[in-house]
PDB file of N, CA and C in Angstrom:
ATOM      1  N   MET A   1     170.244  68.014  14.312  1.00  0.00           N
ATOM      2  CA  MET A   1     171.655  67.772  14.052  1.00  0.00           C
ATOM      3  C   MET A   1     171.834  67.438  12.576  1.00  0.00           C
ATOM      4  N   TYR A   2     172.812  68.048  11.995  1.00  0.00           N
ATOM      5  CA  TYR A   2     173.116  67.780  10.595  1.00  0.00           C
ATOM      6  C   TYR A   2     173.916  66.495  10.475  1.00  0.00           C
ATOM      7  N   GLU A   3     173.632  65.750   9.426  1.00  0.00           N
ATOM      8  CA  GLU A   3     174.354  64.504   9.191  1.00  0.00           C
ATOM      9  C   GLU A   3     175.158  64.642   7.919  1.00  0.00           C
ATOM     10  N   LYS A   4     176.425  64.277   8.003  1.00  0.00           N
ATOM     11  CA  LYS A   4     177.325  64.428   6.859  1.00  0.00           C
ATOM     12  C   LYS A   4     176.839  63.657   5.646  1.00  0.00           C
ATOM     13  N   LYS A   5     176.286  62.474   5.835  1.00  0.00           N
ATOM     14  CA  LYS A   5     175.846  61.673   4.694  1.00  0.00           C
ATOM     15  C   LYS A   5     174.700  62.337   3.936  1.00  0.00           C
ATOM     16  N   THR A   6     173.924  63.162   4.624  1.00  0.00           N
ATOM     17  CA  THR A   6     172.829  63.870   3.979  1.00  0.00           C
ATOM     18  C   THR A   6     173.326  65.113   3.247  1.00  0.00           C
ATOM     19  N   HIS A   7     174.415  65.686   3.718  1.00  0.00           N
ATOM     20  CA  HIS A   7     174.966  66.912   3.148  1.00  0.00           C
ATOM     21  C   HIS A   7     176.422  66.687   2.752  1.00  0.00           C
ATOM     22  N   GLU A   8     176.641  65.778   1.831  1.00  0.00           N
ATOM     23  CA  GLU A   8     177.994  65.393   1.445  1.00  0.00           C
ATOM     24  C   GLU A   8     178.790  66.512   0.785  1.00  0.00           C
ATOM     25  N   PHE A   9     178.113  67.547   0.314  1.00  0.00           N
ATOM     26  CA  PHE A   9     178.819  68.659  -0.314  1.00  0.00           C
ATOM     27  C   PHE A   9     179.571  69.504   0.706  1.00  0.00           C
ATOM     28  N   CYS A  10     179.288  69.324   1.990  1.00  0.00           N
ATOM     29  CA  CYS A  10     179.974  70.059   3.058  1.00  0.00           C
ATOM     30  C   CYS A  10     181.098  69.197   3.622  1.00  0.00           C
ATOM     31  N   SER A  11     182.284  69.749   3.669  1.00  0.00           N
ATOM     32  CA  SER A  11     183.405  68.963   4.185  1.00  0.00           C
ATOM     33  C   SER A  11     183.483  68.994   5.714  1.00  0.00           C
ATOM     34  N   GLU A  12     182.911  70.027   6.348  1.00  0.00           N
ATOM     35  CA  GLU A  12     182.922  70.141   7.806  1.00  0.00           C
ATOM     36  C   GLU A  12     181.624  70.787   8.278  1.00  0.00           C
ATOM     37  N   PHE A  13     181.211  70.457   9.502  1.00  0.00           N
ATOM     38  CA  PHE A  13     180.044  71.072  10.142  1.00  0.00           C
ATOM     39  C   PHE A  13     180.447  71.623  11.501  1.00  0.00           C
ATOM     40  N   TYR A  14     179.995  72.816  11.798  1.00  0.00           N
ATOM     41  CA  TYR A  14     180.173  73.414  13.120  1.00  0.00           C
ATOM     42  C   TYR A  14     178.846  74.001  13.549  1.00  0.00           C
ATOM     43  N   THR A  15     178.482  73.778  14.786  1.00  0.00           N
ATOM     44  CA  THR A  15     177.281  74.358  15.357  1.00  0.00           C
ATOM     45  C   THR A  15     177.705  75.382  16.404  1.00  0.00           C
ATOM     46  N   VAL A  16     177.140  76.578  16.325  1.00  0.00           N
ATOM     47  CA  VAL A  16     177.427  77.581  17.346  1.00  0.00           C
ATOM     48  C   VAL A  16     176.582  77.224  18.570  1.00  0.00           C
ATOM     49  N   GLU A  17     177.237  76.702  19.589  1.00  0.00           N
ATOM     50  CA  GLU A  17     176.547  76.251  20.803  1.00  0.00           C
ATOM     51  C   GLU A  17     176.239  77.404  21.751  1.00  0.00           C
ATOM     52  N   LYS A  18     177.159  78.356  21.837  1.00  0.00           N
ATOM     53  CA  LYS A  18     176.996  79.466  22.773  1.00  0.00           C
ATOM     54  C   LYS A  18     177.852  80.632  22.281  1.00  0.00           C
ATOM     55  N   THR A  19     177.355  81.836  22.511  1.00  0.00           N
ATOM     56  CA  THR A  19     178.094  83.044  22.147  1.00  0.00           C
ATOM     57  C   THR A  19     178.125  83.973  23.345  1.00  0.00           C
ATOM     58  N   ILE A  20     179.281  84.565  23.583  1.00  0.00           N
ATOM     59  CA  ILE A  20     179.378  85.604  24.600  1.00  0.00           C
ATOM     60  C   ILE A  20     179.890  86.867  23.927  1.00  0.00           C
ATOM     61  N   GLN A  21     179.489  87.997  24.469  1.00  0.00           N
ATOM     62  CA  GLN A  21     179.948  89.284  23.970  1.00  0.00           C
ATOM     63  C   GLN A  21     180.414  90.087  25.175  1.00  0.00           C
ATOM     64  N   VAL A  22     181.636  90.610  25.099  1.00  0.00           N
ATOM     65  CA  VAL A  22     182.210  91.350  26.215  1.00  0.00           C
ATOM     66  C   VAL A  22     182.764  92.679  25.716  1.00  0.00           C
ATOM     67  N   VAL A  23     182.842  93.630  26.621  1.00  0.00           N
ATOM     68  CA  VAL A  23     183.490  94.906  26.327  1.00  0.00           C
ATOM     69  C   VAL A  23     184.713  94.993  27.230  1.00  0.00           C
ATOM     70  N   VAL A  24     185.878  95.177  26.619  1.00  0.00           N
ATOM     71  CA  VAL A  24     187.145  95.197  27.337  1.00  0.00           C
ATOM     72  C   VAL A  24     187.965  96.401  26.875  1.00  0.00           C
ATOM     73  N   THR A  25     189.000  96.728  27.638  1.00  0.00           N
ATOM     74  CA  THR A  25     189.920  97.797  27.251  1.00  0.00           C
ATOM     75  C   THR A  25     191.224  97.170  26.790  1.00  0.00           C
ATOM     76  N   ILE A  26     191.573  97.442  25.536  1.00  0.00           N
ATOM     77  CA  ILE A  26     192.808  96.934  24.946  1.00  0.00           C
ATOM     78  C   ILE A  26     193.578  98.133  24.386  1.00  0.00           C
ATOM     79  N   ASP A  27     194.808  98.291  24.825  1.00  0.00           N
ATOM     80  CA  ASP A  27     195.636  99.431  24.402  1.00  0.00           C
ATOM     81  C   ASP A  27     194.922 100.759  24.632  1.00  0.00           C
ATOM     82  N   GLY A  28     194.216 100.866  25.745  1.00  0.00           N
ATOM     83  CA  GLY A  28     193.551 102.103  26.120  1.00  0.00           C
ATOM     84  C   GLY A  28     192.235 102.379  25.412  1.00  0.00           C
ATOM     85  N   GLU A  29     191.788 101.475  24.558  1.00  0.00           N
ATOM     86  CA  GLU A  29     190.533 101.666  23.827  1.00  0.00           C
ATOM     87  C   GLU A  29     189.508 100.612  24.211  1.00  0.00           C
ATOM     88  N   SER A  30     188.263 101.043  24.316  1.00  0.00           N
ATOM     89  CA  SER A  30     187.164 100.119  24.586  1.00  0.00           C
ATOM     90  C   SER A  30     186.879  99.301  23.324  1.00  0.00           C
ATOM     91  N   GLN A  31     186.842  97.989  23.473  1.00  0.00           N
ATOM     92  CA  GLN A  31     186.613  97.082  22.348  1.00  0.00           C
ATOM     93  C   GLN A  31     185.459  96.141  22.686  1.00  0.00           C
ATOM     94  N   THR A  32     184.582  95.901  21.719  1.00  0.00           N
ATOM     95  CA  THR A  32     183.523  94.904  21.878  1.00  0.00           C
ATOM     96  C   THR A  32     183.988  93.642  21.169  1.00  0.00           C
ATOM     97  N   ILE A  33     184.061  92.557  21.916  1.00  0.00           N
ATOM     98  CA  ILE A  33     184.552  91.269  21.399  1.00  0.00           C
ATOM     99  C   ILE A  33     183.436  90.240  21.514  1.00  0.00           C
ATOM    100  N   ARG A  34     183.227  89.481  20.458  1.00  0.00           N
ATOM    101  CA  ARG A  34     182.266  88.374  20.464  1.00  0.00           C
ATOM    102  C   ARG A  34     183.048  87.077  20.298  1.00  0.00           C
ATOM    103  N   ILE A  35     182.739  86.094  21.132  1.00  0.00           N
ATOM    104  CA  ILE A  35     183.405  84.790  21.048  1.00  0.00           C
ATOM    105  C   ILE A  35     182.339  83.720  20.896  1.00  0.00           C
ATOM    106  N   ASP A  36     182.440  82.932  19.826  1.00  0.00           N
ATOM    107  CA  ASP A  36     181.524  81.826  19.562  1.00  0.00           C
ATOM    108  C   ASP A  36     182.165  80.517  20.007  1.00  0.00           C
ATOM    109  N   ALA A  37     181.394  79.677  20.700  1.00  0.00           N
ATOM    110  CA  ALA A  37     181.813  78.313  21.021  1.00  0.00           C
ATOM    111  C   ALA A  37     181.248  77.412  19.927  1.00  0.00           C
ATOM    112  N   LEU A  38     182.127  76.798  19.151  1.00  0.00           N
ATOM    113  CA  LEU A  38     181.733  75.970  18.013  1.00  0.00           C
ATOM    114  C   LEU A  38     181.899  74.495  18.336  1.00  0.00           C
ATOM    115  N   LYS A  39     180.860  73.712  18.054  1.00  0.00           N
ATOM    116  CA  LYS A  39     180.937  72.263  18.234  1.00  0.00           C
ATOM    117  C   LYS A  39     181.159  71.634  16.863  1.00  0.00           C
ATOM    118  N   GLU A  40     182.248  70.879  16.739  1.00  0.00           N
ATOM    119  CA  GLU A  40     182.587  70.234  15.469  1.00  0.00           C
ATOM    120  C   GLU A  40     181.710  69.011  15.292  1.00  0.00           C
ATOM    121  N   GLY A  41     181.032  68.925  14.154  1.00  0.00           N
ATOM    122  CA  GLY A  41     180.037  67.885  13.926  1.00  0.00           C
ATOM    123  C   GLY A  41     180.561  66.468  13.969  1.00  0.00           C
ATOM    124  N   ALA A  42     181.744  66.217  13.427  1.00  0.00           N
ATOM    125  CA  ALA A  42     182.255  64.847  13.343  1.00  0.00           C
ATOM    126  C   ALA A  42     182.792  64.335  14.676  1.00  0.00           C
ATOM    127  N   THR A  43     183.463  65.202  15.434  1.00  0.00           N
ATOM    128  CA  THR A  43     184.127  64.747  16.653  1.00  0.00           C
ATOM    129  C   THR A  43     183.387  65.128  17.932  1.00  0.00           C
ATOM    130  N   GLY A  44     182.548  66.163  17.866  1.00  0.00           N
ATOM    131  CA  GLY A  44     181.873  66.638  19.059  1.00  0.00           C
ATOM    132  C   GLY A  44     182.749  67.519  19.931  1.00  0.00           C
ATOM    133  N   ARG A  45     183.981  67.799  19.497  1.00  0.00           N
ATOM    134  CA  ARG A  45     184.896  68.663  20.235  1.00  0.00           C
ATOM    135  C   ARG A  45     184.522  70.127  20.016  1.00  0.00           C
ATOM    136  N   TYR A  46     184.940  70.977  20.935  1.00  0.00           N
ATOM    137  CA  TYR A  46     184.622  72.397  20.878  1.00  0.00           C
ATOM    138  C   TYR A  46     185.867  73.237  20.615  1.00  0.00           C
ATOM    139  N   SER A  47     185.659  74.326  19.905  1.00  0.00           N
ATOM    140  CA  SER A  47     186.696  75.327  19.687  1.00  0.00           C
ATOM    141  C   SER A  47     186.008  76.690  19.692  1.00  0.00           C
ATOM    142  N   THR A  48     186.799  77.752  19.593  1.00  0.00           N
ATOM    143  CA  THR A  48     186.212  79.084  19.595  1.00  0.00           C
ATOM    144  C   THR A  48     186.625  79.869  18.357  1.00  0.00           C
ATOM    145  N   LYS A  49     185.825  80.850  18.029  1.00  0.00           N
ATOM    146  CA  LYS A  49     186.097  81.815  16.967  1.00  0.00           C
ATOM    147  C   LYS A  49     185.751  83.175  17.536  1.00  0.00           C
ATOM    148  N   ALA A  50     186.648  84.152  17.400  1.00  0.00           N
ATOM    149  CA  ALA A  50     186.438  85.460  17.995  1.00  0.00           C
ATOM    150  C   ALA A  50     186.342  86.553  16.926  1.00  0.00           C
ATOM    151  N   TYR A  51     185.585  87.588  17.261  1.00  0.00           N
ATOM    152  CA  TYR A  51     185.370  88.721  16.365  1.00  0.00           C
ATOM    153  C   TYR A  51     185.439  90.012  17.179  1.00  0.00           C
ATOM    154  N   ARG A  52     185.854  91.084  16.521  1.00  0.00           N
ATOM    155  CA  ARG A  52     185.896  92.418  17.126  1.00  0.00           C
ATOM    156  C   ARG A  52     184.957  93.318  16.336  1.00  0.00           C
ATOM    157  N   GLN A  53     184.186  94.138  17.047  1.00  0.00           N
ATOM    158  CA  GLN A  53     183.256  95.021  16.357  1.00  0.00           C
ATOM    159  C   GLN A  53     183.992  96.268  15.884  1.00  0.00           C
ATOM    160  N   GLU A  54     183.810  96.588  14.613  1.00  0.00           N
ATOM    161  CA  GLU A  54     184.404  97.787  14.017  1.00  0.00           C
ATOM    162  C   GLU A  54     183.289  98.719  13.586  1.00  0.00           C
ATOM    163  N   HIS A  55     183.556  99.997  13.636  1.00  0.00           N
ATOM    164  CA  HIS A  55     182.610 101.014  13.187  1.00  0.00           C
ATOM    165  C   HIS A  55     183.166 101.613  11.904  1.00  0.00           C
ATOM    166  N   LEU A  56     182.360 101.603  10.853  1.00  0.00           N
ATOM    167  CA  LEU A  56     182.776 102.137   9.565  1.00  0.00           C
ATOM    168  C   LEU A  56     181.837 103.245   9.119  1.00  0.00           C
ATOM    169  N   ALA A  57     182.388 104.255   8.478  1.00  0.00           N
ATOM    170  CA  ALA A  57     181.591 105.288   7.838  1.00  0.00           C
ATOM    171  C   ALA A  57     181.789 105.105   6.336  1.00  0.00           C
ATOM    172  N   VAL A  58     180.695 104.910   5.601  1.00  0.00           N
ATOM    173  CA  VAL A  58     180.781 104.575   4.178  1.00  0.00           C
ATOM    174  C   VAL A  58     179.910 105.527   3.368  1.00  0.00           C
ATOM    175  N   GLN A  59     180.470 105.946   2.252  1.00  0.00           N
ATOM    176  CA  GLN A  59     179.703 106.753   1.302  1.00  0.00           C
ATOM    177  C   GLN A  59     179.892 106.122  -0.067  1.00  0.00           C
ATOM    178  N   SER A  60     178.820 105.972  -0.799  1.00  0.00           N
ATOM    179  CA  SER A  60     178.873 105.350  -2.111  1.00  0.00           C
ATOM    180  C   SER A  60     179.820 106.113  -3.024  1.00  0.00           C
ATOM    181  N   ALA A  61     180.657 105.390  -3.745  1.00  0.00           N
ATOM    182  CA  ALA A  61     181.597 106.010  -4.672  1.00  0.00           C
ATOM    183  C   ALA A  61     180.885 106.575  -5.894  1.00  0.00           C
ATOM    184  N   TYR A  62     179.684 106.116  -6.163  1.00  0.00           N
ATOM    185  CA  TYR A  62     178.953 106.541  -7.362  1.00  0.00           C
ATOM    186  C   TYR A  62     177.802 107.481  -7.044  1.00  0.00           C
ATOM    187  N   SER A  63     177.860 108.146  -5.898  1.00  0.00           N
ATOM    188  CA  SER A  63     176.741 109.003  -5.508  1.00  0.00           C
ATOM    189  C   SER A  63     177.033 110.487  -5.766  1.00  0.00           C
ATOM    190  N   GLN A  64     178.110 110.776  -6.494  1.00  0.00           N
ATOM    191  CA  GLN A  64     178.497 112.161  -6.699  1.00  0.00           C
ATOM    192  C   GLN A  64     177.918 112.715  -8.003  1.00  0.00           C
ATOM    193  N   SER A  65     177.370 113.894  -7.927  1.00  0.00           N
ATOM    194  CA  SER A  65     176.918 114.593  -9.125  1.00  0.00           C
ATOM    195  C   SER A  65     177.211 116.073  -8.976  1.00  0.00           C
ATOM    196  N   LYS A  66     177.820 116.664  -9.975  1.00  0.00           N
ATOM    197  CA  LYS A  66     178.155 118.099  -9.973  1.00  0.00           C
ATOM    198  C   LYS A  66     178.934 118.499  -8.717  1.00  0.00           C
ATOM    199  N   SER A  67     179.955 117.740  -8.395  1.00  0.00           N
ATOM    200  CA  SER A  67     180.875 117.986  -7.275  1.00  0.00           C
ATOM    201  C   SER A  67     180.226 117.999  -5.885  1.00  0.00           C
ATOM    202  N   SER A  68     179.037 117.452  -5.775  1.00  0.00           N
ATOM    203  CA  SER A  68     178.443 117.261  -4.449  1.00  0.00           C
ATOM    204  C   SER A  68     177.956 115.821  -4.341  1.00  0.00           C
ATOM    205  N   PHE A  69     177.791 115.369  -3.127  1.00  0.00           N
ATOM    206  CA  PHE A  69     177.374 113.984  -2.924  1.00  0.00           C
ATOM    207  C   PHE A  69     175.863 113.908  -2.756  1.00  0.00           C
ATOM    208  N   ASP A  70     175.246 112.980  -3.514  1.00  0.00           N
ATOM    209  CA  ASP A  70     173.803 112.773  -3.442  1.00  0.00           C
ATOM    210  C   ASP A  70     173.403 112.025  -2.170  1.00  0.00           C
ATOM    211  N   ARG A  71     174.262 111.176  -1.706  1.00  0.00           N
ATOM    212  CA  ARG A  71     173.968 110.364  -0.522  1.00  0.00           C
ATOM    213  C   ARG A  71     174.860 110.786   0.630  1.00  0.00           C
ATOM    214  N   VAL A  72     174.290 110.741   1.797  1.00  0.00           N
ATOM    215  CA  VAL A  72     175.076 111.084   2.980  1.00  0.00           C
ATOM    216  C   VAL A  72     175.871 109.867   3.425  1.00  0.00           C
ATOM    217  N   MET A  73     176.938 110.148   4.154  1.00  0.00           N
ATOM    218  CA  MET A  73     177.760 109.076   4.690  1.00  0.00           C
ATOM    219  C   MET A  73     176.939 108.299   5.724  1.00  0.00           C
ATOM    220  N   GLN A  74     177.069 106.971   5.720  1.00  0.00           N
ATOM    221  CA  GLN A  74     176.334 106.126   6.658  1.00  0.00           C
ATOM    222  C   GLN A  74     177.308 105.374   7.550  1.00  0.00           C
ATOM    223  N   ASP A  75     176.903 105.200   8.798  1.00  0.00           N
ATOM    224  CA  ASP A  75     177.702 104.443   9.752  1.00  0.00           C
ATOM    225  C   ASP A  75     177.235 102.994   9.792  1.00  0.00           C
ATOM    226  N   TYR A  76     178.196 102.086   9.848  1.00  0.00           N
ATOM    227  CA  TYR A  76     177.899 100.664   9.929  1.00  0.00           C
ATOM    228  C   TYR A  76     178.723 100.042  11.051  1.00  0.00           C
ATOM    229  N   HIS A  77     178.192  99.004  11.636  1.00  0.00           N
ATOM    230  CA  HIS A  77     178.912  98.200  12.615  1.00  0.00           C
ATOM    231  C   HIS A  77     179.113  96.838  11.974  1.00  0.00           C
ATOM    232  N   VAL A  78     180.353  96.383  11.908  1.00  0.00           N
ATOM    233  CA  VAL A  78     180.663  95.086  11.308  1.00  0.00           C
ATOM    234  C   VAL A  78     181.537  94.290  12.276  1.00  0.00           C
ATOM    235  N   TRP A  79     181.467  92.976  12.147  1.00  0.00           N
ATOM    236  CA  TRP A  79     182.313  92.092  12.939  1.00  0.00           C
ATOM    237  C   TRP A  79     183.471  91.638  12.065  1.00  0.00           C
ATOM    238  N   VAL A  80     184.688  91.820  12.562  1.00  0.00           N
ATOM    239  CA  VAL A  80     185.876  91.369  11.847  1.00  0.00           C
ATOM    240  C   VAL A  80     186.574  90.313  12.693  1.00  0.00           C
ATOM    241  N   ASN A  81     187.296  89.424  12.035  1.00  0.00           N
ATOM    242  CA  ASN A  81     188.004  88.369  12.758  1.00  0.00           C
ATOM    243  C   ASN A  81     188.935  88.976  13.802  1.00  0.00           C
ATOM    244  N   TYR A  82     188.969  88.355  14.957  1.00  0.00           N
ATOM    245  CA  TYR A  82     189.871  88.758  16.026  1.00  0.00           C
ATOM    246  C   TYR A  82     190.657  87.524  16.428  1.00  0.00           C
ATOM    247  N   ASP A  83     191.955  87.600  16.289  1.00  0.00           N
ATOM    248  CA  ASP A  83     192.806  86.433  16.476  1.00  0.00           C
ATOM    249  C   ASP A  83     193.101  86.179  17.958  1.00  0.00           C
ATOM    250  N   LEU A  84     192.566  85.077  18.452  1.00  0.00           N
ATOM    251  CA  LEU A  84     192.908  84.574  19.783  1.00  0.00           C
ATOM    252  C   LEU A  84     193.579  83.225  19.610  1.00  0.00           C
ATOM    253  N   PRO A  85     194.415  82.800  20.559  1.00  0.00           N
ATOM    254  CA  PRO A  85     195.030  81.480  20.446  1.00  0.00           C
ATOM    255  C   PRO A  85     193.987  80.364  20.331  1.00  0.00           C
ATOM    256  N   TRP A  86     194.393  79.263  19.752  1.00  0.00           N
ATOM    257  CA  TRP A  86     193.534  78.109  19.495  1.00  0.00           C
ATOM    258  C   TRP A  86     193.020  77.528  20.804  1.00  0.00           C
ATOM    259  N   THR A  87     191.748  77.148  20.813  1.00  0.00           N
ATOM    260  CA  THR A  87     191.135  76.502  21.976  1.00  0.00           C
ATOM    261  C   THR A  87     190.570  75.158  21.550  1.00  0.00           C
ATOM    262  N   ASN A  88     190.488  74.245  22.504  1.00  0.00           N
ATOM    263  CA  ASN A  88     189.952  72.913  22.236  1.00  0.00           C
ATOM    264  C   ASN A  88     189.493  72.325  23.562  1.00  0.00           C
ATOM    265  N   GLY A  89     188.260  71.789  23.579  1.00  0.00           N
ATOM    266  CA  GLY A  89     187.770  71.229  24.830  1.00  0.00           C
ATOM    267  C   GLY A  89     186.530  70.392  24.651  1.00  0.00           C
ATOM    268  N   ASP A  90     186.013  69.916  25.788  1.00  0.00           N
ATOM    269  CA  ASP A  90     184.872  69.001  25.789  1.00  0.00           C
ATOM    270  C   ASP A  90     183.517  69.687  25.895  1.00  0.00           C
ATOM    271  N   ASN A  91     183.509  70.980  26.318  1.00  0.00           N
ATOM    272  CA  ASN A  91     182.219  71.665  26.429  1.00  0.00           C
ATOM    273  C   ASN A  91     182.374  73.152  26.147  1.00  0.00           C
ATOM    274  N   ALA A  92     181.264  73.777  25.832  1.00  0.00           N
ATOM    275  CA  ALA A  92     181.261  75.180  25.423  1.00  0.00           C
ATOM    276  C   ALA A  92     181.763  76.101  26.536  1.00  0.00           C
ATOM    277  N   ASP A  93     181.306  75.899  27.760  1.00  0.00           N
ATOM    278  CA  ASP A  93     181.711  76.777  28.849  1.00  0.00           C
ATOM    279  C   ASP A  93     183.215  76.720  29.110  1.00  0.00           C
ATOM    280  N   ALA A  94     183.786  75.535  29.033  1.00  0.00           N
ATOM    281  CA  ALA A  94     185.219  75.387  29.293  1.00  0.00           C
ATOM    282  C   ALA A  94     186.057  76.135  28.260  1.00  0.00           C
ATOM    283  N   ILE A  95     185.688  76.032  27.005  1.00  0.00           N
ATOM    284  CA  ILE A  95     186.513  76.710  25.998  1.00  0.00           C
ATOM    285  C   ILE A  95     186.257  78.207  25.960  1.00  0.00           C
ATOM    286  N   LEU A  96     185.044  78.635  26.321  1.00  0.00           N
ATOM    287  CA  LEU A  96     184.805  80.074  26.413  1.00  0.00           C
ATOM    288  C   LEU A  96     185.642  80.669  27.544  1.00  0.00           C
ATOM    289  N   ASN A  97     185.730  79.968  28.666  1.00  0.00           N
ATOM    290  CA  ASN A  97     186.586  80.420  29.759  1.00  0.00           C
ATOM    291  C   ASN A  97     188.056  80.433  29.354  1.00  0.00           C
ATOM    292  N   GLN A  98     188.457  79.442  28.571  1.00  0.00           N
ATOM    293  CA  GLN A  98     189.826  79.385  28.066  1.00  0.00           C
ATOM    294  C   GLN A  98     190.096  80.597  27.161  1.00  0.00           C
ATOM    295  N   ALA A  99     189.173  80.897  26.256  1.00  0.00           N
ATOM    296  CA  ALA A  99     189.327  82.040  25.352  1.00  0.00           C
ATOM    297  C   ALA A  99     189.342  83.356  26.130  1.00  0.00           C
ATOM    298  N   LEU A 100     188.498  83.476  27.161  1.00  0.00           N
ATOM    299  CA  LEU A 100     188.499  84.687  27.988  1.00  0.00           C
ATOM    300  C   LEU A 100     189.827  84.857  28.721  1.00  0.00           C
ATOM    301  N   GLY A 101     190.445  83.763  29.101  1.00  0.00           N
ATOM    302  CA  GLY A 101     191.769  83.830  29.723  1.00  0.00           C
ATOM    303  C   GLY A 101     192.803  84.397  28.762  1.00  0.00           C
ATOM    304  N   PHE A 102     192.751  83.962  27.500  1.00  0.00           N
ATOM    305  CA  PHE A 102     193.661  84.510  26.488  1.00  0.00           C
ATOM    306  C   PHE A 102     193.374  85.990  26.242  1.00  0.00           C
ATOM    307  N   LEU A 103     192.094  86.351  26.209  1.00  0.00           N
ATOM    308  CA  LEU A 103     191.712  87.743  25.996  1.00  0.00           C
ATOM    309  C   LEU A 103     192.190  88.622  27.154  1.00  0.00           C
ATOM    310  N   LYS A 104     192.097  88.119  28.373  1.00  0.00           N
ATOM    311  CA  LYS A 104     192.512  88.882  29.561  1.00  0.00           C
ATOM    312  C   LYS A 104     193.965  89.300  29.470  1.00  0.00           C
ATOM    313  N   GLU A 105     194.811  88.463  28.862  1.00  0.00           N
ATOM    314  CA  GLU A 105     196.233  88.771  28.724  1.00  0.00           C
ATOM    315  C   GLU A 105     196.463  90.021  27.861  1.00  0.00           C
ATOM    316  N   ARG A 106     195.494  90.385  27.027  1.00  0.00           N
ATOM    317  CA  ARG A 106     195.631  91.555  26.142  1.00  0.00           C
ATOM    318  C   ARG A 106     194.981  92.813  26.720  1.00  0.00           C
ATOM    319  N   CYS A 107     194.253  92.658  27.813  1.00  0.00           N
ATOM    320  CA  CYS A 107     193.482  93.775  28.352  1.00  0.00           C
ATOM    321  C   CYS A 107     194.327  94.688  29.225  1.00  0.00           C
ATOM    322  N   SER A 108     193.975  95.984  29.176  1.00  0.00           N
ATOM    323  CA  SER A 108     194.590  96.986  30.021  1.00  0.00           C
ATOM    324  C   SER A 108     193.842  97.037  31.345  1.00  0.00           C
ATOM    325  N   GLU A 109     194.519  97.449  32.363  1.00  0.00           N
ATOM    326  CA  GLU A 109     193.891  97.597  33.681  1.00  0.00           C
ATOM    327  C   GLU A 109     193.056  98.846  33.712  1.00  0.00           C
TER     328      GLU A 109
END
């Protein structure tokens, strides 16, 4: 456990206690969502942070020579913030269930 007095340069501490990853259908598209249960160091209370997986195709802007590209386009998977309503609770499982309830409201049948 981190102690604030030892790491005074940090204004807040959060520990990722548990992470779940789900695949859901939102607006007709399959989405991979990751939800972290965070324990706040000072209070011991839990909250969640959610992310959505995005697929990107990237090609270096500086890889072109004589009107052709030296490097091929590469695919990447990145996690971007996914906005779910605020959660707060006494344990990781309770707030993950709370966050899943909010996520369910956005899912298609």
